[in-house]
């Protein structure tokens, strides 16, 4: 049986949608499903990386519009563009000449109008979302984030028959995280290793800001591990900065993120999907909000004490990063409390939630 995933990555929207879909694709593959990706040919797309992970990728052609206009907002496309994307996707699917068990959509600019084109063509439609800002015509919806009123967020936005998978129980994490959790470090609150990772693309250049601030203020007080991805347009400059100091280590497009998180004592990052990787392994983190879709969850986690929220990126200065760092390294108990709050929220996750989701996708 074939499962089709429609998701995009670019230098503007980053890699988060593709990375979490890859995690789901791997799990589906272990259960006997064939999985392929359909992606728009945007600057910074991850088609080669997806292919390297063992999945076929079909690229939709570039459009005669500014790429920023395609991705800059989190509202659905206007009807002409929405229809064009649906028709192009449908043409790819017809060319596969196979029965499609499910189509999985992880795309903020697609809504029920797009999904209606496929309703009669597939066994079920699944949506991965965290905005709850538009209608969906789907059979399954996954929102893995934490919200105080999660159950009510999608009221009136999905059919009454839609199966909802809500909350951190259904985190899309790679197997390495579950394996690492079994031998997870106990956080003492002492800071020797610091992890800096603001997502794959980091379009607001938070990596550079944080790296320079910590380098200049703390010199060799601790070891810095800086992670970027091929989609980061500033990666070569960041690599040069890292090379200037013996205590700064540069990593690009890593496959051992769980190991890096487990070794770290403190992290700096954005409020996207990587927040959950850090929380899952109890790593205290100082978070900057770099996109509107990160706001609600970041605020909620901060109120729980599971992270430190510095707010919207435009207001986060190097001085603010240094101040927060000094506060935590001088009060280890705050870091211990943050680590414990993260683990309390997540619980010891044995991936049963994702097993339930995969079973639903393949059985519906």
Protein backbone atom coordinates (compact mmCIF):
# COMPACT_ATOMS: atom_id res chain seq x y z
CA UNK A 1 0.00 0.00 0.00
CA UNK A 2 1.23 3.48 -0.89
CA UNK A 3 1.15 6.52 1.39
CA UNK A 4 1.77 9.94 -0.19
CA UNK A 5 3.10 12.85 1.86
CA UNK A 6 2.61 16.43 0.66
CA UNK A 7 4.98 18.77 2.52
CA UNK A 8 7.54 21.46 1.72
CA UNK A 9 10.84 22.80 2.98
CA UNK A 10 12.63 26.00 2.01
CA UNK A 11 15.05 28.63 3.26
CA UNK A 12 12.01 30.59 4.44
CA UNK A 13 9.85 27.95 6.13
CA UNK A 14 12.71 25.72 7.26
CA UNK A 15 12.90 21.95 7.46
CA UNK A 16 10.55 21.13 10.35
CA UNK A 17 7.62 19.88 8.26
CA UNK A 18 9.79 17.51 6.25
CA UNK A 19 11.74 16.24 9.24
CA UNK A 20 8.66 15.28 11.22
CA UNK A 21 7.09 13.71 8.13
CA UNK A 22 10.24 11.66 7.61
CA UNK A 23 9.89 10.32 11.14
CA UNK A 24 6.33 9.24 10.40
CA UNK A 25 7.37 7.83 7.01
CA UNK A 26 10.01 5.61 8.62
CA UNK A 27 7.47 4.24 11.07
CA UNK A 28 4.97 3.57 8.27
CA UNK A 29 7.69 1.82 6.30
CA UNK A 30 8.42 -0.56 9.17
CA UNK A 31 4.75 -1.57 9.04
CA UNK A 32 4.96 -2.51 5.37
CA UNK A 33 3.79 0.68 3.70
CA UNK A 34 5.49 2.26 0.70
CA UNK A 35 5.88 6.02 1.21
CA UNK A 36 6.70 8.80 -1.22
CA UNK A 37 6.95 12.58 -0.91
CA UNK A 38 5.55 15.30 -3.15
CA UNK A 39 7.28 18.65 -2.60
CA UNK A 40 7.38 22.02 -4.31
CA UNK A 41 10.72 22.87 -5.94
CA UNK A 42 11.62 25.75 -3.59
CA UNK A 43 15.06 27.12 -2.75
CA UNK A 44 16.31 25.02 0.13
CA UNK A 45 14.01 22.06 -0.55
CA UNK A 46 15.21 18.81 0.97
CA UNK A 47 14.53 16.48 -1.94
CA UNK A 48 18.05 15.03 -2.02
CA UNK A 49 18.01 14.45 1.72
CA UNK A 50 14.61 12.76 1.55
CA UNK A 51 15.88 10.50 -1.23
CA UNK A 52 18.99 9.68 0.83
CA UNK A 53 16.66 8.45 3.58
CA UNK A 54 15.19 5.85 1.23
CA UNK A 55 12.05 7.57 -0.05
CA UNK A 56 11.02 8.60 -3.54
CA UNK A 57 10.51 12.33 -4.06
CA UNK A 58 8.46 14.02 -6.77
CA UNK A 59 9.03 17.75 -7.23
CA UNK A 60 6.25 20.08 -8.29
CA UNK A 61 7.57 22.75 -10.69
CA UNK A 62 8.57 26.21 -9.59
CA UNK A 63 5.82 28.76 -9.99
CA UNK A 64 6.05 32.15 -11.65
CA UNK A 65 5.61 33.96 -8.34
CA UNK A 66 7.94 35.16 -5.62
CA UNK A 67 8.83 32.24 -3.35
CA UNK A 68 8.41 34.48 -0.33
CA UNK A 69 4.80 35.09 -1.36
CA UNK A 70 4.27 31.32 -1.45
CA UNK A 71 5.42 30.78 2.11
CA UNK A 72 5.54 34.02 4.08
CA UNK A 73 2.13 33.72 5.76
CA UNK A 74 0.34 30.91 7.55
CA UNK A 75 -3.03 31.47 5.86
CA UNK A 76 -4.33 29.21 3.07
CA UNK A 77 -3.49 30.08 -0.51
CA UNK A 78 -6.05 31.88 -2.62
CA UNK A 79 -8.27 29.61 -4.73
CA UNK A 80 -6.28 29.74 -8.03
CA UNK A 81 -2.98 28.74 -6.41
CA UNK A 82 -4.65 26.20 -4.16
CA UNK A 83 -6.32 24.57 -7.16
CA UNK A 84 -3.08 24.59 -9.17
CA UNK A 85 -1.20 22.84 -6.36
CA UNK A 86 -3.96 20.25 -6.02
CA UNK A 87 -4.08 19.56 -9.76
CA UNK A 88 -0.29 19.24 -10.00
CA UNK A 89 -0.26 16.91 -7.00
CA UNK A 90 -3.07 14.85 -8.51
CA UNK A 91 -1.15 14.53 -11.79
CA UNK A 92 1.84 13.14 -9.92
CA UNK A 93 -0.37 10.64 -8.09
CA UNK A 94 -2.06 9.51 -11.31
CA UNK A 95 1.37 8.96 -12.84
CA UNK A 96 2.27 6.58 -10.03
CA UNK A 97 -0.48 4.25 -11.26
CA UNK A 98 -1.02 2.77 -7.80
CA UNK A 99 -3.85 2.65 -5.28
CA UNK A 100 -3.22 5.26 -2.61
CA UNK A 101 -4.01 4.20 0.93
CA UNK A 102 -3.53 7.63 2.46
CA UNK A 103 -2.39 11.13 1.67
CA UNK A 104 -0.72 13.00 4.53
CA UNK A 105 -0.64 16.80 4.35
CA UNK A 106 1.75 18.86 6.48
CA UNK A 107 1.36 22.33 5.00
CA UNK A 108 0.07 25.54 6.57
CA UNK A 109 -1.20 26.93 3.26
CA UNK A 110 -3.43 23.98 2.38
CA UNK A 111 -7.00 23.68 3.67
CA UNK A 112 -10.25 21.77 3.05
CA UNK A 113 -10.61 23.05 -0.53
CA UNK A 114 -7.39 21.28 -1.57
CA UNK A 115 -8.29 18.18 0.41
CA UNK A 116 -11.68 17.85 -1.29
CA UNK A 117 -9.92 17.12 -4.60
CA UNK A 118 -8.57 13.90 -3.07
CA UNK A 119 -11.50 12.78 -0.92
CA UNK A 120 -12.74 10.19 -3.42
CA UNK A 121 -9.26 9.14 -4.53
CA UNK A 122 -7.74 7.81 -1.30
CA UNK A 123 -8.77 5.68 1.65
CA UNK A 124 -8.09 8.46 4.14
CA UNK A 125 -6.65 11.94 4.39
CA UNK A 126 -4.46 12.87 7.33
CA UNK A 127 -3.44 16.39 8.33
CA UNK A 128 -0.52 17.40 10.54
CA UNK A 129 -1.23 20.83 12.00
CA UNK A 130 -0.57 23.03 15.00
CA UNK A 131 -2.25 26.29 14.00
CA UNK A 132 -5.96 25.40 14.24
CA UNK A 133 -6.70 28.39 12.01
CA UNK A 134 -8.50 26.82 9.02
CA UNK A 135 -10.96 24.10 8.05
CA UNK A 136 -9.82 20.61 7.07
CA UNK A 137 -11.65 17.86 5.22
CA UNK A 138 -9.71 15.00 6.78
CA UNK A 139 -10.16 11.66 8.51
CA UNK A 140 -7.19 11.96 10.88
CA UNK A 141 -5.56 15.02 12.43
CA UNK A 142 -2.32 15.10 14.41
CA UNK A 143 -1.26 18.03 16.58
CA UNK A 144 1.61 16.91 18.79
CA UNK A 145 1.96 20.17 20.71
CA UNK A 146 0.91 21.05 24.24
CA UNK A 147 -2.01 23.43 24.76
CA UNK A 148 -4.01 23.91 27.97
CA UNK A 149 -7.31 23.56 26.04
CA UNK A 150 -6.17 21.15 23.33
CA UNK A 151 -9.46 19.28 22.92
CA UNK A 152 -11.40 22.36 21.92
CA UNK A 153 -8.97 23.87 19.43
CA UNK A 154 -10.28 22.04 16.37
CA UNK A 155 -13.98 22.29 17.13
CA UNK A 156 -15.78 23.21 13.91
CA UNK A 157 -12.57 22.90 11.88
CA UNK A 158 -12.70 19.16 11.15
CA UNK A 159 -15.54 16.70 10.46
CA UNK A 160 -17.18 15.17 13.53
CA UNK A 161 -15.92 11.77 12.38
CA UNK A 162 -12.28 12.92 12.29
CA UNK A 163 -9.94 11.04 14.66
CA UNK A 164 -7.89 13.54 16.68
CA UNK A 165 -4.41 12.70 17.94
CA UNK A 166 -3.52 15.57 20.24
CA UNK A 167 -0.62 16.33 22.57
CA UNK A 168 2.95 15.24 23.33
CA UNK A 169 1.86 11.59 23.63
CA UNK A 170 2.00 11.56 19.83
CA UNK A 171 5.37 13.24 19.35
CA UNK A 172 7.02 12.44 16.01
CA UNK A 173 10.50 11.59 17.22
CA UNK A 174 13.12 9.44 15.57
CA UNK A 175 14.00 6.10 17.14
CA UNK A 176 17.32 7.50 18.38
CA UNK A 177 15.40 9.61 20.92
CA UNK A 178 13.59 6.61 22.40
CA UNK A 179 16.88 4.72 22.63
CA UNK A 180 18.67 7.68 24.20
CA UNK A 181 15.87 8.19 26.72
CA UNK A 182 16.58 4.74 28.16
CA UNK A 183 20.06 5.96 29.20
CA UNK A 184 19.25 9.61 29.74
CA UNK A 185 21.60 11.74 31.81
CA UNK A 186 20.52 13.09 35.16
CA UNK A 187 20.71 16.88 34.95
CA UNK A 188 22.72 18.40 37.81
CA UNK A 189 22.26 22.03 36.79
CA UNK A 190 25.98 22.55 36.19
CA UNK A 191 26.75 23.92 32.73
CA UNK A 192 29.76 22.55 30.87
CA UNK A 193 28.30 21.85 27.41
CA UNK A 194 25.94 24.20 25.56
CA UNK A 195 23.95 23.32 22.44
CA UNK A 196 22.94 25.99 19.90
CA UNK A 197 20.38 24.95 17.29
CA UNK A 198 17.69 27.25 15.88
CA UNK A 199 16.30 24.87 13.28
CA UNK A 200 17.51 23.85 9.86
CA UNK A 201 17.09 27.07 7.90
CA UNK A 202 17.20 29.67 10.70
CA UNK A 203 15.93 32.45 8.41
CA UNK A 204 16.14 35.08 11.16
CA UNK A 205 19.85 34.34 11.83
CA UNK A 206 19.50 33.53 15.52
CA UNK A 207 22.45 31.11 15.40
CA UNK A 208 24.91 33.86 14.52
CA UNK A 209 23.45 36.20 17.15
CA UNK A 210 23.65 33.62 19.92
CA UNK A 211 27.05 32.26 18.92
CA UNK A 212 28.72 35.68 18.88
CA UNK A 213 27.13 36.69 22.19
CA UNK A 214 28.27 33.56 24.03
CA UNK A 215 31.69 33.54 22.40
CA UNK A 216 32.42 37.13 23.35
CA UNK A 217 30.98 37.03 26.88
CA UNK A 218 32.01 33.63 28.17
CA UNK A 219 35.10 32.89 26.08
CA UNK A 220 36.12 29.35 27.08
CA UNK A 221 33.91 28.92 30.14
CA UNK A 222 32.10 26.02 28.46
CA UNK A 223 32.06 23.99 25.26
CA UNK A 224 29.66 25.14 22.54
CA UNK A 225 28.13 22.73 20.03
CA UNK A 226 26.61 24.65 17.11
CA UNK A 227 24.27 22.80 14.73
CA UNK A 228 23.11 23.99 11.30
CA UNK A 229 21.70 22.35 8.17
CA UNK A 230 22.29 22.57 4.43
CA UNK A 231 19.24 24.83 4.17
CA UNK A 232 20.91 27.47 6.36
CA UNK A 233 22.19 30.19 4.02
CA UNK A 234 24.64 31.42 6.68
CA UNK A 235 26.24 28.06 7.42
CA UNK A 236 29.68 28.83 5.93
CA UNK A 237 30.00 32.03 7.95
CA UNK A 238 28.89 30.20 11.08
CA UNK A 239 31.44 27.49 10.37
CA UNK A 240 34.20 30.11 10.17
CA UNK A 241 33.18 31.63 13.50
CA UNK A 242 33.24 28.20 15.12
CA UNK A 243 36.70 27.48 13.71
CA UNK A 244 38.12 30.55 15.44
CA UNK A 245 37.83 29.05 18.94
CA UNK A 246 38.95 25.61 20.16
CA UNK A 247 35.94 25.22 22.47
CA UNK A 248 33.37 25.72 19.69
CA UNK A 249 32.36 22.70 17.60
CA UNK A 250 30.44 23.00 14.33
CA UNK A 251 27.94 20.36 13.14
CA UNK A 252 25.92 20.37 9.90
CA UNK A 253 22.94 18.16 8.96
CA UNK A 254 23.49 15.84 11.90
CA UNK A 255 22.09 12.35 12.37
CA UNK A 256 22.91 12.22 16.10
CA UNK A 257 20.81 15.05 17.51
CA UNK A 258 19.61 12.91 20.41
CA UNK A 259 23.22 12.29 21.42
CA UNK A 260 24.07 16.01 21.27
CA UNK A 261 21.00 16.90 23.32
CA UNK A 262 21.78 14.25 25.92
CA UNK A 263 25.36 15.51 26.32
CA UNK A 264 24.35 19.16 26.66
CA UNK A 265 23.57 20.92 29.93
CA UNK A 266 21.81 23.93 28.40
CA UNK A 267 20.39 24.68 24.96
CA UNK A 268 19.52 27.73 22.90
CA UNK A 269 16.94 27.27 20.19
CA UNK A 270 13.76 28.34 18.46
CA UNK A 271 10.27 27.41 19.54
CA UNK A 272 9.57 24.91 16.77
CA UNK A 273 9.54 21.13 16.71
CA UNK A 274 13.05 20.94 18.17
CA UNK A 275 11.60 22.20 21.44
CA UNK A 276 10.01 18.79 21.87
CA UNK A 277 13.28 16.97 21.22
CA UNK A 278 14.89 18.96 24.03
CA UNK A 279 11.96 18.47 26.41
CA UNK A 280 11.85 14.75 25.64
CA UNK A 281 15.39 14.35 26.97
CA UNK A 282 15.03 16.88 29.79
CA UNK A 283 17.40 19.48 28.38
CA UNK A 284 16.78 22.97 29.82
CA UNK A 285 16.49 25.48 27.02
CA UNK A 286 16.42 29.22 26.43
CA UNK A 287 13.95 29.74 23.60
CA UNK A 288 13.44 32.48 21.03
CA UNK A 289 10.17 32.65 19.08
CA UNK A 290 11.04 32.95 15.38
CA UNK A 291 7.62 32.31 13.78
CA UNK A 292 4.02 33.01 14.74
CA UNK A 293 3.11 29.33 14.81
CA UNK A 294 5.58 28.86 17.70
CA UNK A 295 3.96 31.47 19.94
CA UNK A 296 1.13 29.60 21.65
CA UNK A 297 3.08 26.47 22.55
CA UNK A 298 6.19 28.39 23.63
CA UNK A 299 4.16 30.58 25.99
CA UNK A 300 2.34 27.54 27.41
CA UNK A 301 5.58 25.64 28.04
CA UNK A 302 7.14 28.70 29.64
CA UNK A 303 4.19 29.08 31.99
CA UNK A 304 4.68 25.45 33.02
CA UNK A 305 8.35 26.16 33.74
CA UNK A 306 9.53 23.65 31.13
CA UNK A 307 11.50 26.24 29.12
CA UNK A 308 12.73 29.83 29.39
CA UNK A 309 10.98 32.03 26.82
CA UNK A 310 12.85 35.16 25.73
CA UNK A 311 10.04 36.22 23.40
CA UNK A 312 9.86 37.35 19.78
CA UNK A 313 13.21 37.24 17.96
CA UNK A 314 13.26 40.91 16.99
CA UNK A 315 13.40 41.86 20.65
CA UNK A 316 16.01 39.28 21.66
CA UNK A 317 19.45 40.87 21.75
CA UNK A 318 22.85 39.38 22.41
CA UNK A 319 22.73 41.08 25.80
CA UNK A 320 19.45 39.33 26.63
CA UNK A 321 20.96 35.96 25.74
CA UNK A 322 23.98 36.63 27.94
CA UNK A 323 21.81 37.81 30.84
CA UNK A 324 19.67 34.68 30.71
CA UNK A 325 22.76 32.48 30.54
CA UNK A 326 24.34 34.12 33.60
CA UNK A 327 21.11 33.72 35.54
CA UNK A 328 20.97 29.99 34.92
CA UNK A 329 24.64 29.11 35.32
CA UNK A 330 24.72 30.83 38.72
CA UNK A 331 21.55 29.07 39.92
CA UNK A 332 21.80 25.37 39.02
CA UNK A 333 18.54 24.64 40.84
CA UNK A 334 16.62 26.57 38.16
CA UNK A 335 18.04 24.32 35.45
CA UNK A 336 17.23 21.20 37.46
CA UNK A 337 13.67 22.39 37.94
CA UNK A 338 13.30 23.12 34.22
CA UNK A 339 14.59 19.67 33.32
CA UNK A 340 12.16 18.02 35.73
CA UNK A 341 9.20 20.05 34.44
CA UNK A 342 10.03 18.99 30.87
CA UNK A 343 10.14 15.33 31.80
CA UNK A 344 6.94 15.56 33.85
CA UNK A 345 5.15 16.98 30.81
CA UNK A 346 6.48 14.35 28.42
CA UNK A 347 6.49 11.32 30.69
CA UNK A 348 8.50 8.24 29.84
CA UNK A 349 7.37 7.86 26.26
CA UNK A 350 7.59 4.40 24.77
CA UNK A 351 6.22 5.46 21.37
CA UNK A 352 2.85 3.74 21.90
CA UNK A 353 1.12 6.93 20.79
CA UNK A 354 2.76 6.88 17.38
CA UNK A 355 2.04 3.17 17.08
CA UNK A 356 -1.66 3.98 17.53
CA UNK A 357 -1.46 6.69 14.88
CA UNK A 358 0.29 4.46 12.34
CA UNK A 359 -2.26 1.70 12.92
CA UNK A 360 -5.07 4.17 12.28
CA UNK A 361 -3.49 5.45 9.05
CA UNK A 362 -3.02 1.96 7.63
CA UNK A 363 -6.32 0.46 8.79
CA UNK A 364 -8.79 3.22 7.94
